Protein backbone atom coordinates (compact mmCIF):
# COMPACT_ATOMS: atom_id res chain seq x y z
CA MET A 1 113.65 67.33 165.66
CA ASP A 2 112.81 70.14 168.05
CA HIS A 3 112.86 73.85 167.19
CA ALA A 4 116.15 74.49 169.00
CA ASN A 5 118.00 71.84 166.97
CA THR A 6 116.41 73.08 163.75
CA LEU A 7 117.52 76.62 164.58
CA GLY A 8 121.02 75.37 165.43
CA LEU A 9 121.31 73.46 162.16
CA LEU A 10 120.10 76.46 160.16
CA ALA A 11 122.51 78.84 161.89
CA GLY A 12 125.40 76.41 161.52
CA THR A 13 124.60 75.76 157.88
CA LEU A 14 124.64 79.46 157.03
CA THR A 15 127.95 80.10 158.78
CA THR A 16 129.48 76.97 157.25
CA VAL A 17 128.30 77.73 153.72
CA SER A 18 129.79 81.22 154.02
CA PHE A 19 133.24 79.64 153.55
CA LEU A 20 132.44 78.13 150.16
CA PRO A 21 132.88 81.35 148.15
CA GLN A 22 136.35 81.84 149.67
CA VAL A 23 137.40 78.26 148.93
CA PHE A 24 136.12 78.50 145.34
CA LYS A 25 137.77 81.90 144.81
CA ILE A 26 141.17 80.62 145.94
CA TRP A 27 140.76 77.47 143.85
CA ARG A 28 139.82 79.39 140.68
CA ALA A 29 142.35 82.20 141.11
CA LYS A 30 145.13 79.81 142.21
CA SER A 31 146.08 82.51 144.70
CA ALA A 32 145.66 82.90 148.45
CA LYS A 33 148.11 85.73 149.02
CA ASP A 34 145.60 87.85 150.94
CA ILE A 35 144.56 85.05 153.30
CA SER A 36 145.99 85.28 156.82
CA TYR A 37 147.54 82.09 158.20
CA ALA A 38 147.18 83.41 161.74
CA MET A 39 143.46 84.09 161.34
CA PHE A 40 142.65 80.74 159.75
CA LEU A 41 144.81 78.74 162.17
CA THR A 42 143.22 80.48 165.14
CA PHE A 43 139.74 80.09 163.65
CA SER A 44 140.36 76.40 162.90
CA GLY A 45 141.48 75.82 166.48
CA GLY A 46 138.33 77.46 167.79
CA VAL A 47 136.08 75.49 165.46
CA PHE A 48 137.84 72.26 166.46
CA LEU A 49 137.17 73.06 170.12
CA TRP A 50 133.50 73.74 169.30
CA LEU A 51 133.42 70.35 167.59
CA LEU A 52 134.83 68.69 170.72
CA TYR A 53 132.30 70.60 172.83
CA GLY A 54 129.46 69.42 170.60
CA ILE A 55 130.65 65.84 170.95
CA ALA A 56 130.91 66.22 174.74
CA ILE A 57 127.32 67.47 175.06
CA GLY A 58 125.93 65.31 172.25
CA ALA A 59 124.56 68.25 170.23
CA ALA A 60 124.14 67.13 166.62
CA PRO A 61 123.85 70.67 165.17
CA VAL A 62 127.11 71.71 166.85
CA ILE A 63 128.89 68.52 165.80
CA VAL A 64 127.81 68.49 162.16
CA THR A 65 128.23 72.16 161.37
CA ASN A 66 131.58 72.51 163.14
CA ALA A 67 132.95 69.35 161.53
CA VAL A 68 132.15 70.72 158.07
CA THR A 69 133.36 74.23 158.95
CA PHE A 70 136.63 72.77 160.27
CA LEU A 71 137.16 70.87 157.01
CA LEU A 72 136.51 74.00 154.95
CA ALA A 73 138.86 76.10 157.09
CA VAL A 74 141.56 73.45 156.75
CA ALA A 75 140.93 73.45 152.99
CA VAL A 76 141.61 77.20 152.93
CA ILE A 77 144.86 76.68 154.86
CA LEU A 78 145.94 73.89 152.50
CA LEU A 79 145.09 76.00 149.45
CA LYS A 80 147.07 78.88 150.97
CA MET A 81 150.07 76.55 151.36
CA ARG A 82 149.68 75.27 147.80
CA TYR A 83 149.20 78.64 146.09
CA LYS A 84 151.43 80.93 148.16
């Protein structure tokens, strides 16, 4: 793997992992009242487009990290719906 892909995977991993504390906090507290639907729906749409872009250009770091980020963002939306 070249340095650019390694850098991309590292950057993507850090931004993706940053969602875990939020998911765990909502899950433990059973509350998502302060989470904005508009922000997470917009963010999820953007991440989904990045995923499609990654697929179009065949960039593994973009594909992998945005697929996981999209799943985590959707998890936050689903938890918001469940615990509203």
